[in-house]
Amino acid sequence: MEEQTKNQIDSLQGSHAFIKTSDQPVSGLSDPQKVALNRKANALFNEGNFAMAERIFVTTGYSDGLTRVGDTYAKKNDYLHALRMYLLAHNKRKSEPIIEKMSQTVSMMLKI
């Protein structure tokens, strides 16, 4: 079954047809499907295809993958996208410092 799912994912990679675009993980995926998707996303991430990996990690709700994508955004100083990934991953250790920094920035702007 897992091999069949992997083959389906590989055949659809270019069409993006299997990827949900909302921020909620797909609830109808079986564990073998999630494993296959996460393996594919890890391979894509390691190849530098962060956008496609992100879409799959969002689809599966894989918190480690979402955190690694968030780290990629943070390295590029894209803190809003990093924060989104950390929040989706439920990673408070990484999201709270960004939220604190943004809060301080807004507070300073309101004082001006």
PDB file of N, CA and C in Angstrom:
ATOM      1  N   MET A   1       0.825  -1.200   0.000  1.00  0.00           N
ATOM      2  CA  MET A   1       0.000   0.000   0.000  1.00  0.00           C
ATOM      3  C   MET A   1       0.871   1.266   0.000  1.00  0.00           C
ATOM      4  N   GLU A   2       1.926   1.284   0.815  1.00  0.00           N
ATOM      5  CA  GLU A   2       2.780   2.458   0.902  1.00  0.00           C
ATOM      6  C   GLU A   2       3.449   2.747  -0.444  1.00  0.00           C
ATOM      7  N   GLU A   3       3.903   1.711  -1.134  1.00  0.00           N
ATOM      8  CA  GLU A   3       4.540   1.891  -2.437  1.00  0.00           C
ATOM      9  C   GLU A   3       3.548   2.468  -3.445  1.00  0.00           C
ATOM     10  N   GLN A   4       2.306   2.011  -3.386  1.00  0.00           N
ATOM     11  CA  GLN A   4       1.272   2.519  -4.292  1.00  0.00           C
ATOM     12  C   GLN A   4       1.038   4.008  -4.032  1.00  0.00           C
ATOM     13  N   THR A   5       0.957   4.382  -2.765  1.00  0.00           N
ATOM     14  CA  THR A   5       0.767   5.788  -2.404  1.00  0.00           C
ATOM     15  C   THR A   5       1.938   6.627  -2.882  1.00  0.00           C
ATOM     16  N   LYS A   6       3.163   6.125  -2.699  1.00  0.00           N
ATOM     17  CA  LYS A   6       4.347   6.847  -3.156  1.00  0.00           C
ATOM     18  C   LYS A   6       4.306   7.056  -4.661  1.00  0.00           C
ATOM     19  N   ASN A   7       3.911   6.039  -5.400  1.00  0.00           N
ATOM     20  CA  ASN A   7       3.816   6.164  -6.851  1.00  0.00           C
ATOM     21  C   ASN A   7       2.768   7.196  -7.256  1.00  0.00           C
ATOM     22  N   GLN A   8       1.650   7.233  -6.534  1.00  0.00           N
ATOM     23  CA  GLN A   8       0.613   8.219  -6.827  1.00  0.00           C
ATOM     24  C   GLN A   8       1.138   9.636  -6.562  1.00  0.00           C
ATOM     25  N   ILE A   9       1.855   9.796  -5.474  1.00  0.00           N
ATOM     26  CA  ILE A   9       2.417  11.110  -5.141  1.00  0.00           C
ATOM     27  C   ILE A   9       3.403  11.545  -6.216  1.00  0.00           C
ATOM     28  N   ASP A  10       4.287  10.621  -6.602  1.00  0.00           N
ATOM     29  CA  ASP A  10       5.272  10.935  -7.630  1.00  0.00           C
ATOM     30  C   ASP A  10       4.609  11.339  -8.942  1.00  0.00           C
ATOM     31  N   SER A  11       3.520  10.670  -9.295  1.00  0.00           N
ATOM     32  CA  SER A  11       2.859  10.974 -10.563  1.00  0.00           C
ATOM     33  C   SER A  11       2.127  12.313 -10.520  1.00  0.00           C
ATOM     34  N   LEU A  12       1.735  12.752  -9.333  1.00  0.00           N
ATOM     35  CA  LEU A  12       0.997  14.010  -9.196  1.00  0.00           C
ATOM     36  C   LEU A  12       1.880  15.200  -8.835  1.00  0.00           C
ATOM     37  N   GLN A  13       3.145  14.970  -8.631  1.00  0.00           N
ATOM     38  CA  GLN A  13       4.016  16.030  -8.127  1.00  0.00           C
ATOM     39  C   GLN A  13       3.908  17.312  -8.930  1.00  0.00           C
ATOM     40  N   GLY A  14       3.875  17.233 -10.236  1.00  0.00           N
ATOM     41  CA  GLY A  14       3.828  18.435 -11.049  1.00  0.00           C
ATOM     42  C   GLY A  14       2.493  19.132 -11.038  1.00  0.00           C
ATOM     43  N   SER A  15       1.419  18.415 -10.756  1.00  0.00           N
ATOM     44  CA  SER A  15       0.086  19.013 -10.859  1.00  0.00           C
ATOM     45  C   SER A  15      -0.386  19.661  -9.565  1.00  0.00           C
ATOM     46  N   HIS A  16       0.222  19.329  -8.436  1.00  0.00           N
ATOM     47  CA  HIS A  16      -0.168  19.843  -7.117  1.00  0.00           C
ATOM     48  C   HIS A  16      -1.597  19.448  -6.760  1.00  0.00           C
ATOM     49  N   ALA A  17      -2.180  18.467  -7.440  1.00  0.00           N
ATOM     50  CA  ALA A  17      -3.577  18.111  -7.235  1.00  0.00           C
ATOM     51  C   ALA A  17      -3.837  17.487  -5.878  1.00  0.00           C
ATOM     52  N   PHE A  18      -2.848  16.905  -5.273  1.00  0.00           N
ATOM     53  CA  PHE A  18      -3.060  16.218  -4.010  1.00  0.00           C
ATOM     54  C   PHE A  18      -2.822  17.100  -2.804  1.00  0.00           C
ATOM     55  N   ILE A  19      -2.484  18.346  -3.020  1.00  0.00           N
ATOM     56  CA  ILE A  19      -2.105  19.204  -1.908  1.00  0.00           C
ATOM     57  C   ILE A  19      -3.242  20.148  -1.547  1.00  0.00           C
ATOM     58  N   LYS A  20      -3.623  20.103  -0.284  1.00  0.00           N
ATOM     59  CA  LYS A  20      -4.624  21.015   0.235  1.00  0.00           C
ATOM     60  C   LYS A  20      -3.953  22.345   0.551  1.00  0.00           C
ATOM     61  N   THR A  21      -4.621  23.439   0.292  1.00  0.00           N
ATOM     62  CA  THR A  21      -3.980  24.744   0.464  1.00  0.00           C
ATOM     63  C   THR A  21      -4.376  25.459   1.748  1.00  0.00           C
ATOM     64  N   SER A  22      -5.244  24.883   2.572  1.00  0.00           N
ATOM     65  CA  SER A  22      -5.577  25.538   3.829  1.00  0.00           C
ATOM     66  C   SER A  22      -4.497  25.243   4.859  1.00  0.00           C
ATOM     67  N   ASP A  23      -4.629  25.856   6.028  1.00  0.00           N
ATOM     68  CA  ASP A  23      -3.640  25.667   7.081  1.00  0.00           C
ATOM     69  C   ASP A  23      -3.942  24.487   7.988  1.00  0.00           C
ATOM     70  N   GLN A  24      -4.985  23.755   7.720  1.00  0.00           N
ATOM     71  CA  GLN A  24      -5.331  22.607   8.545  1.00  0.00           C
ATOM     72  C   GLN A  24      -4.888  21.326   7.863  1.00  0.00           C
ATOM     73  N   PRO A  25      -4.278  20.401   8.628  1.00  0.00           N
ATOM     74  CA  PRO A  25      -3.882  19.131   8.031  1.00  0.00           C
ATOM     75  C   PRO A  25      -5.090  18.375   7.498  1.00  0.00           C
ATOM     76  N   VAL A  26      -4.881  17.580   6.485  1.00  0.00           N
ATOM     77  CA  VAL A  26      -5.943  16.760   5.920  1.00  0.00           C
ATOM     78  C   VAL A  26      -6.241  15.654   6.912  1.00  0.00           C
ATOM     79  N   SER A  27      -7.485  15.541   7.336  1.00  0.00           N
ATOM     80  CA  SER A  27      -7.823  14.552   8.350  1.00  0.00           C
ATOM     81  C   SER A  27      -8.072  13.171   7.761  1.00  0.00           C
ATOM     82  N   GLY A  28      -8.320  13.068   6.468  1.00  0.00           N
ATOM     83  CA  GLY A  28      -8.648  11.794   5.869  1.00  0.00           C
ATOM     84  C   GLY A  28      -7.442  10.970   5.439  1.00  0.00           C
ATOM     85  N   LEU A  29      -6.235  11.457   5.710  1.00  0.00           N
ATOM     86  CA  LEU A  29      -5.051  10.711   5.303  1.00  0.00           C
ATOM     87  C   LEU A  29      -4.779   9.581   6.291  1.00  0.00           C
ATOM     88  N   SER A  30      -4.455   8.420   5.759  1.00  0.00           N
ATOM     89  CA  SER A  30      -4.069   7.302   6.613  1.00  0.00           C
ATOM     90  C   SER A  30      -2.625   7.512   7.059  1.00  0.00           C
ATOM     91  N   ASP A  31      -2.223   6.775   8.079  1.00  0.00           N
ATOM     92  CA  ASP A  31      -0.839   6.882   8.546  1.00  0.00           C
ATOM     93  C   ASP A  31       0.165   6.537   7.447  1.00  0.00           C
ATOM     94  N   PRO A  32      -0.060   5.465   6.675  1.00  0.00           N
ATOM     95  CA  PRO A  32       0.892   5.184   5.587  1.00  0.00           C
ATOM     96  C   PRO A  32       0.961   6.303   4.543  1.00  0.00           C
ATOM     97  N   GLN A  33      -0.167   6.957   4.277  1.00  0.00           N
ATOM     98  CA  GLN A  33      -0.167   8.073   3.332  1.00  0.00           C
ATOM     99  C   GLN A  33       0.634   9.247   3.894  1.00  0.00           C
ATOM    100  N   LYS A  34       0.438   9.544   5.179  1.00  0.00           N
ATOM    101  CA  LYS A  34       1.198  10.634   5.801  1.00  0.00           C
ATOM    102  C   LYS A  34       2.693  10.337   5.782  1.00  0.00           C
ATOM    103  N   VAL A  35       3.047   9.092   6.087  1.00  0.00           N
ATOM    104  CA  VAL A  35       4.461   8.713   6.082  1.00  0.00           C
ATOM    105  C   VAL A  35       5.050   8.912   4.692  1.00  0.00           C
ATOM    106  N   ALA A  36       4.337   8.456   3.672  1.00  0.00           N
ATOM    107  CA  ALA A  36       4.832   8.588   2.297  1.00  0.00           C
ATOM    108  C   ALA A  36       4.959  10.055   1.903  1.00  0.00           C
ATOM    109  N   LEU A  37       3.957  10.852   2.244  1.00  0.00           N
ATOM    110  CA  LEU A  37       4.009  12.284   1.931  1.00  0.00           C
ATOM    111  C   LEU A  37       5.156  12.967   2.661  1.00  0.00           C
ATOM    112  N   ASN A  38       5.322  12.656   3.939  1.00  0.00           N
ATOM    113  CA  ASN A  38       6.395  13.284   4.706  1.00  0.00           C
ATOM    114  C   ASN A  38       7.766  12.879   4.190  1.00  0.00           C
ATOM    115  N   ARG A  39       7.919  11.639   3.761  1.00  0.00           N
ATOM    116  CA  ARG A  39       9.195  11.216   3.168  1.00  0.00           C
ATOM    117  C   ARG A  39       9.465  11.995   1.884  1.00  0.00           C
ATOM    118  N   LYS A  40       8.441  12.148   1.082  1.00  0.00           N
ATOM    119  CA  LYS A  40       8.594  12.900  -0.170  1.00  0.00           C
ATOM    120  C   LYS A  40       8.953  14.359   0.139  1.00  0.00           C
ATOM    121  N   ALA A  41       8.260  14.941   1.121  1.00  0.00           N
ATOM    122  CA  ALA A  41       8.521  16.331   1.492  1.00  0.00           C
ATOM    123  C   ALA A  41       9.931  16.494   2.056  1.00  0.00           C
ATOM    124  N   ASN A  42      10.385  15.534   2.844  1.00  0.00           N
ATOM    125  CA  ASN A  42      11.753  15.598   3.365  1.00  0.00           C
ATOM    126  C   ASN A  42      12.760  15.564   2.230  1.00  0.00           C
ATOM    127  N   ALA A  43      12.518  14.720   1.247  1.00  0.00           N
ATOM    128  CA  ALA A  43      13.415  14.652   0.090  1.00  0.00           C
ATOM    129  C   ALA A  43      13.408  15.979  -0.669  1.00  0.00           C
ATOM    130  N   LEU A  44      12.227  16.548  -0.871  1.00  0.00           N
ATOM    131  CA  LEU A  44      12.120  17.836  -1.555  1.00  0.00           C
ATOM    132  C   LEU A  44      12.839  18.930  -0.773  1.00  0.00           C
ATOM    133  N   PHE A  45      12.646  18.928   0.536  1.00  0.00           N
ATOM    134  CA  PHE A  45      13.300  19.923   1.389  1.00  0.00           C
ATOM    135  C   PHE A  45      14.813  19.813   1.257  1.00  0.00           C
ATOM    136  N   ASN A  46      15.321  18.586   1.322  1.00  0.00           N
ATOM    137  CA  ASN A  46      16.763  18.368   1.224  1.00  0.00           C
ATOM    138  C   ASN A  46      17.324  18.753  -0.140  1.00  0.00           C
ATOM    139  N   GLU A  47      16.481  18.704  -1.172  1.00  0.00           N
ATOM    140  CA  GLU A  47      16.876  19.114  -2.516  1.00  0.00           C
ATOM    141  C   GLU A  47      16.784  20.629  -2.692  1.00  0.00           C
ATOM    142  N   GLY A  48      16.240  21.327  -1.710  1.00  0.00           N
ATOM    143  CA  GLY A  48      16.100  22.777  -1.793  1.00  0.00           C
ATOM    144  C   GLY A  48      14.763  23.242  -2.325  1.00  0.00           C
ATOM    145  N   ASN A  49      13.836  22.317  -2.548  1.00  0.00           N
ATOM    146  CA  ASN A  49      12.492  22.679  -3.025  1.00  0.00           C
ATOM    147  C   ASN A  49      11.603  22.935  -1.810  1.00  0.00           C
ATOM    148  N   PHE A  50      11.862  24.068  -1.139  1.00  0.00           N
ATOM    149  CA  PHE A  50      11.201  24.378   0.118  1.00  0.00           C
ATOM    150  C   PHE A  50       9.715  24.648  -0.051  1.00  0.00           C
ATOM    151  N   ALA A  51       9.314  25.280  -1.146  1.00  0.00           N
ATOM    152  CA  ALA A  51       7.903  25.619  -1.347  1.00  0.00           C
ATOM    153  C   ALA A  51       7.049  24.361  -1.449  1.00  0.00           C
ATOM    154  N   MET A  52       7.482  23.395  -2.226  1.00  0.00           N
ATOM    155  CA  MET A  52       6.716  22.161  -2.371  1.00  0.00           C
ATOM    156  C   MET A  52       6.726  21.370  -1.062  1.00  0.00           C
ATOM    157  N   ALA A  53       7.876  21.328  -0.397  1.00  0.00           N
ATOM    158  CA  ALA A  53       7.965  20.643   0.892  1.00  0.00           C
ATOM    159  C   ALA A  53       7.011  21.295   1.896  1.00  0.00           C
ATOM    160  N   GLU A  54       6.988  22.615   1.900  1.00  0.00           N
ATOM    161  CA  GLU A  54       6.086  23.338   2.814  1.00  0.00           C
ATOM    162  C   GLU A  54       4.639  22.940   2.579  1.00  0.00           C
ATOM    163  N   ARG A  55       4.233  22.901   1.329  1.00  0.00           N
ATOM    164  CA  ARG A  55       2.840  22.565   1.014  1.00  0.00           C
ATOM    165  C   ARG A  55       2.487  21.173   1.516  1.00  0.00           C
ATOM    166  N   ILE A  56       3.406  20.243   1.368  1.00  0.00           N
ATOM    167  CA  ILE A  56       3.129  18.887   1.841  1.00  0.00           C
ATOM    168  C   ILE A  56       3.108  18.842   3.362  1.00  0.00           C
ATOM    169  N   PHE A  57       4.066  19.513   4.008  1.00  0.00           N
ATOM    170  CA  PHE A  57       4.089  19.524   5.474  1.00  0.00           C
ATOM    171  C   PHE A  57       2.819  20.161   6.043  1.00  0.00           C
ATOM    172  N   VAL A  58       2.331  21.207   5.400  1.00  0.00           N
ATOM    173  CA  VAL A  58       1.069  21.815   5.837  1.00  0.00           C
ATOM    174  C   VAL A  58      -0.071  20.814   5.651  1.00  0.00           C
ATOM    175  N   THR A  59      -0.054  20.089   4.552  1.00  0.00           N
ATOM    176  CA  THR A  59      -1.089  19.094   4.267  1.00  0.00           C
ATOM    177  C   THR A  59      -1.130  18.010   5.334  1.00  0.00           C
ATOM    178  N   THR A  60       0.047  17.548   5.737  1.00  0.00           N
ATOM    179  CA  THR A  60       0.107  16.445   6.705  1.00  0.00           C
ATOM    180  C   THR A  60       0.136  16.921   8.147  1.00  0.00           C
ATOM    181  N   GLY A  61       0.473  18.193   8.359  1.00  0.00           N
ATOM    182  CA  GLY A  61       0.586  18.719   9.718  1.00  0.00           C
ATOM    183  C   GLY A  61       1.828  18.237  10.440  1.00  0.00           C
ATOM    184  N   TYR A  62       2.869  17.876   9.695  1.00  0.00           N
ATOM    185  CA  TYR A  62       4.105  17.336  10.257  1.00  0.00           C
ATOM    186  C   TYR A  62       4.890  18.454  10.920  1.00  0.00           C
ATOM    187  N   SER A  63       4.893  18.469  12.249  1.00  0.00           N
ATOM    188  CA  SER A  63       5.434  19.608  12.984  1.00  0.00           C
ATOM    189  C   SER A  63       6.945  19.785  12.801  1.00  0.00           C
ATOM    190  N   ASP A  64       7.703  18.705  12.741  1.00  0.00           N
ATOM    191  CA  ASP A  64       9.144  18.840  12.540  1.00  0.00           C
ATOM    192  C   ASP A  64       9.439  19.476  11.185  1.00  0.00           C
ATOM    193  N   GLY A  65       8.737  19.045  10.168  1.00  0.00           N
ATOM    194  CA  GLY A  65       8.929  19.629   8.843  1.00  0.00           C
ATOM    195  C   GLY A  65       8.524  21.087   8.807  1.00  0.00           C
ATOM    196  N   LEU A  66       7.403  21.413   9.437  1.00  0.00           N
ATOM    197  CA  LEU A  66       6.947  22.805   9.486  1.00  0.00           C
ATOM    198  C   LEU A  66       7.969  23.682  10.211  1.00  0.00           C
ATOM    199  N   THR A  67       8.555  23.152  11.273  1.00  0.00           N
ATOM    200  CA  THR A  67       9.571  23.903  12.009  1.00  0.00           C
ATOM    201  C   THR A  67      10.805  24.135  11.142  1.00  0.00           C
ATOM    202  N   ARG A  68      11.231  23.121  10.406  1.00  0.00           N
ATOM    203  CA  ARG A  68      12.404  23.299   9.540  1.00  0.00           C
ATOM    204  C   ARG A  68      12.130  24.311   8.434  1.00  0.00           C
ATOM    205  N   VAL A  69      10.917  24.310   7.895  1.00  0.00           N
ATOM    206  CA  VAL A  69      10.564  25.319   6.890  1.00  0.00           C
ATOM    207  C   VAL A  69      10.560  26.702   7.544  1.00  0.00           C
ATOM    208  N   GLY A  70      10.018  26.786   8.759  1.00  0.00           N
ATOM    209  CA  GLY A  70      10.041  28.052   9.491  1.00  0.00           C
ATOM    210  C   GLY A  70      11.455  28.548   9.719  1.00  0.00           C
ATOM    211  N   ASP A  71      12.362  27.640  10.050  1.00  0.00           N
ATOM    212  CA  ASP A  71      13.763  28.016  10.236  1.00  0.00           C
ATOM    213  C   ASP A  71      14.360  28.573   8.943  1.00  0.00           C
ATOM    214  N   THR A  72      13.960  27.995   7.823  1.00  0.00           N
ATOM    215  CA  THR A  72      14.430  28.483   6.519  1.00  0.00           C
ATOM    216  C   THR A  72      13.961  29.914   6.292  1.00  0.00           C
ATOM    217  N   TYR A  73      12.684  30.188   6.592  1.00  0.00           N
ATOM    218  CA  TYR A  73      12.171  31.552   6.467  1.00  0.00           C
ATOM    219  C   TYR A  73      12.896  32.503   7.428  1.00  0.00           C
ATOM    220  N   ALA A  74      13.128  32.043   8.658  1.00  0.00           N
ATOM    221  CA  ALA A  74      13.792  32.898   9.649  1.00  0.00           C
ATOM    222  C   ALA A  74      15.207  33.263   9.196  1.00  0.00           C
ATOM    223  N   LYS A  75      15.911  32.329   8.583  1.00  0.00           N
ATOM    224  CA  LYS A  75      17.264  32.612   8.082  1.00  0.00           C
ATOM    225  C   LYS A  75      17.243  33.676   6.997  1.00  0.00           C
ATOM    226  N   LYS A  76      16.107  33.787   6.294  1.00  0.00           N
ATOM    227  CA  LYS A  76      15.951  34.791   5.238  1.00  0.00           C
ATOM    228  C   LYS A  76      15.336  36.082   5.792  1.00  0.00           C
ATOM    229  N   ASN A  77      15.219  36.177   7.113  1.00  0.00           N
ATOM    230  CA  ASN A  77      14.609  37.318   7.798  1.00  0.00           C
ATOM    231  C   ASN A  77      13.152  37.524   7.403  1.00  0.00           C
ATOM    232  N   ASP A  78      12.489  36.470   7.005  1.00  0.00           N
ATOM    233  CA  ASP A  78      11.061  36.511   6.670  1.00  0.00           C
ATOM    234  C   ASP A  78      10.295  35.976   7.882  1.00  0.00           C
ATOM    235  N   TYR A  79      10.193  36.832   8.897  1.00  0.00           N
ATOM    236  CA  TYR A  79       9.681  36.391  10.185  1.00  0.00           C
ATOM    237  C   TYR A  79       8.183  36.131  10.199  1.00  0.00           C
ATOM    238  N   LEU A  80       7.424  36.806   9.353  1.00  0.00           N
ATOM    239  CA  LEU A  80       5.985  36.525   9.308  1.00  0.00           C
ATOM    240  C   LEU A  80       5.711  35.114   8.804  1.00  0.00           C
ATOM    241  N   HIS A  81       6.407  34.720   7.734  1.00  0.00           N
ATOM    242  CA  HIS A  81       6.227  33.361   7.232  1.00  0.00           C
ATOM    243  C   HIS A  81       6.796  32.334   8.212  1.00  0.00           C
ATOM    244  N   ALA A  82       7.909  32.677   8.838  1.00  0.00           N
ATOM    245  CA  ALA A  82       8.480  31.784   9.846  1.00  0.00           C
ATOM    246  C   ALA A  82       7.497  31.590  10.993  1.00  0.00           C
ATOM    247  N   LEU A  83       6.901  32.684  11.440  1.00  0.00           N
ATOM    248  CA  LEU A  83       5.928  32.610  12.528  1.00  0.00           C
ATOM    249  C   LEU A  83       4.749  31.731  12.152  1.00  0.00           C
ATOM    250  N   ARG A  84       4.260  31.869  10.939  1.00  0.00           N
ATOM    251  CA  ARG A  84       3.136  31.034  10.471  1.00  0.00           C
ATOM    252  C   ARG A  84       3.497  29.555  10.562  1.00  0.00           C
ATOM    253  N   MET A  85       4.694  29.201  10.117  1.00  0.00           N
ATOM    254  CA  MET A  85       5.122  27.799  10.160  1.00  0.00           C
ATOM    255  C   MET A  85       5.245  27.313  11.604  1.00  0.00           C
ATOM    256  N   TYR A  86       5.822  28.140  12.469  1.00  0.00           N
ATOM    257  CA  TYR A  86       5.983  27.752  13.864  1.00  0.00           C
ATOM    258  C   TYR A  86       4.625  27.591  14.558  1.00  0.00           C
ATOM    259  N   LEU A  87       3.690  28.467  14.241  1.00  0.00           N
ATOM    260  CA  LEU A  87       2.362  28.345  14.832  1.00  0.00           C
ATOM    261  C   LEU A  87       1.652  27.076  14.343  1.00  0.00           C
ATOM    262  N   LEU A  88       1.780  26.785  13.055  1.00  0.00           N
ATOM    263  CA  LEU A  88       1.190  25.551  12.528  1.00  0.00           C
ATOM    264  C   LEU A  88       1.826  24.319  13.164  1.00  0.00           C
ATOM    265  N   ALA A  89       3.103  24.423  13.505  1.00  0.00           N
ATOM    266  CA  ALA A  89       3.826  23.315  14.125  1.00  0.00           C
ATOM    267  C   ALA A  89       3.579  23.256  15.634  1.00  0.00           C
ATOM    268  N   HIS A  90       2.865  24.240  16.168  1.00  0.00           N
ATOM    269  CA  HIS A  90       2.631  24.346  17.617  1.00  0.00           C
ATOM    270  C   HIS A  90       3.958  24.416  18.371  1.00  0.00           C
ATOM    271  N   ASN A  91       4.908  25.152  17.801  1.00  0.00           N
ATOM    272  CA  ASN A  91       6.241  25.278  18.364  1.00  0.00           C
ATOM    273  C   ASN A  91       6.338  26.620  19.098  1.00  0.00           C
ATOM    274  N   LYS A  92       5.974  26.610  20.369  1.00  0.00           N
ATOM    275  CA  LYS A  92       5.981  27.843  21.160  1.00  0.00           C
ATOM    276  C   LYS A  92       7.391  28.365  21.399  1.00  0.00           C
ATOM    277  N   ARG A  93       8.346  27.463  21.512  1.00  0.00           N
ATOM    278  CA  ARG A  93       9.730  27.877  21.774  1.00  0.00           C
ATOM    279  C   ARG A  93      10.248  28.777  20.655  1.00  0.00           C
ATOM    280  N   LYS A  94       9.803  28.528  19.427  1.00  0.00           N
ATOM    281  CA  LYS A  94      10.267  29.340  18.297  1.00  0.00           C
ATOM    282  C   LYS A  94       9.312  30.493  17.989  1.00  0.00           C
ATOM    283  N   SER A  95       8.018  30.308  18.229  1.00  0.00           N
ATOM    284  CA  SER A  95       7.053  31.352  17.874  1.00  0.00           C
ATOM    285  C   SER A  95       7.010  32.494  18.891  1.00  0.00           C
ATOM    286  N   GLU A  96       7.140  32.184  20.166  1.00  0.00           N
ATOM    287  CA  GLU A  96       6.997  33.227  21.184  1.00  0.00           C
ATOM    288  C   GLU A  96       8.036  34.344  21.081  1.00  0.00           C
ATOM    289  N   PRO A  97       9.313  34.055  20.793  1.00  0.00           N
ATOM    290  CA  PRO A  97      10.255  35.180  20.636  1.00  0.00           C
ATOM    291  C   PRO A  97       9.899  36.098  19.463  1.00  0.00           C
ATOM    292  N   ILE A  98       9.379  35.530  18.389  1.00  0.00           N
ATOM    293  CA  ILE A  98       8.980  36.359  17.245  1.00  0.00           C
ATOM    294  C   ILE A  98       7.774  37.210  17.622  1.00  0.00           C
ATOM    295  N   ILE A  99       6.821  36.605  18.302  1.00  0.00           N
ATOM    296  CA  ILE A  99       5.638  37.356  18.737  1.00  0.00           C
ATOM    297  C   ILE A  99       6.052  38.479  19.675  1.00  0.00           C
ATOM    298  N   GLU A 100       6.974  38.215  20.586  1.00  0.00           N
ATOM    299  CA  GLU A 100       7.458  39.231  21.522  1.00  0.00           C
ATOM    300  C   GLU A 100       8.126  40.382  20.773  1.00  0.00           C
ATOM    301  N   LYS A 101       8.956  40.043  19.806  1.00  0.00           N
ATOM    302  CA  LYS A 101       9.650  41.072  19.025  1.00  0.00           C
ATOM    303  C   LYS A 101       8.646  41.916  18.234  1.00  0.00           C
ATOM    304  N   MET A 102       7.656  41.271  17.650  1.00  0.00           N
ATOM    305  CA  MET A 102       6.629  42.008  16.900  1.00  0.00           C
ATOM    306  C   MET A 102       5.814  42.902  17.829  1.00  0.00           C
ATOM    307  N   SER A 103       5.522  42.408  19.018  1.00  0.00           N
ATOM    308  CA  SER A 103       4.775  43.208  19.990  1.00  0.00           C
ATOM    309  C   SER A 103       5.552  44.446  20.395  1.00  0.00           C
ATOM    310  N   GLN A 104       6.845  44.285  20.606  1.00  0.00           N
ATOM    311  CA  GLN A 104       7.690  45.429  20.961  1.00  0.00           C
ATOM    312  C   GLN A 104       7.729  46.440  19.822  1.00  0.00           C
ATOM    313  N   THR A 105       7.797  45.943  18.605  1.00  0.00           N
ATOM    314  CA  THR A 105       7.836  46.828  17.440  1.00  0.00           C
ATOM    315  C   THR A 105       6.548  47.634  17.333  1.00  0.00           C
ATOM    316  N   VAL A 106       5.418  46.966  17.508  1.00  0.00           N
ATOM    317  CA  VAL A 106       4.127  47.666  17.439  1.00  0.00           C
ATOM    318  C   VAL A 106       4.016  48.671  18.573  1.00  0.00           C
ATOM    319  N   SER A 107       4.447  48.297  19.750  1.00  0.00           N
ATOM    320  CA  SER A 107       4.406  49.227  20.883  1.00  0.00           C
ATOM    321  C   SER A 107       5.233  50.480  20.613  1.00  0.00           C
ATOM    322  N   MET A 108       6.427  50.282  20.055  1.00  0.00           N
ATOM    323  CA  MET A 108       7.280  51.434  19.727  1.00  0.00           C
ATOM    324  C   MET A 108       6.616  52.313  18.681  1.00  0.00           C
ATOM    325  N   MET A 109       5.966  51.690  17.696  1.00  0.00           N
ATOM    326  CA  MET A 109       5.311  52.472  16.635  1.00  0.00           C
ATOM    327  C   MET A 109       4.132  53.263  17.198  1.00  0.00           C
ATOM    328  N   LEU A 110       3.440  52.714  18.172  1.00  0.00           N
ATOM    329  CA  LEU A 110       2.296  53.413  18.754  1.00  0.00           C
ATOM    330  C   LEU A 110       2.734  54.596  19.605  1.00  0.00           C
ATOM    331  N   LYS A 111       3.927  54.549  20.145  1.00  0.00           N
ATOM    332  CA  LYS A 111       4.446  55.633  20.969  1.00  0.00           C
ATOM    333  C   LYS A 111       4.906  56.827  20.141  1.00  0.00           C
ATOM    334  N   ILE A 112       5.161  56.597  18.861  1.00  0.00           N
ATOM    335  CA  ILE A 112       5.670  57.676  18.001  1.00  0.00           C
ATOM    336  C   ILE A 112       4.598  58.668  17.663  1.00  0.00           C
TER     337      ILE A 112
END
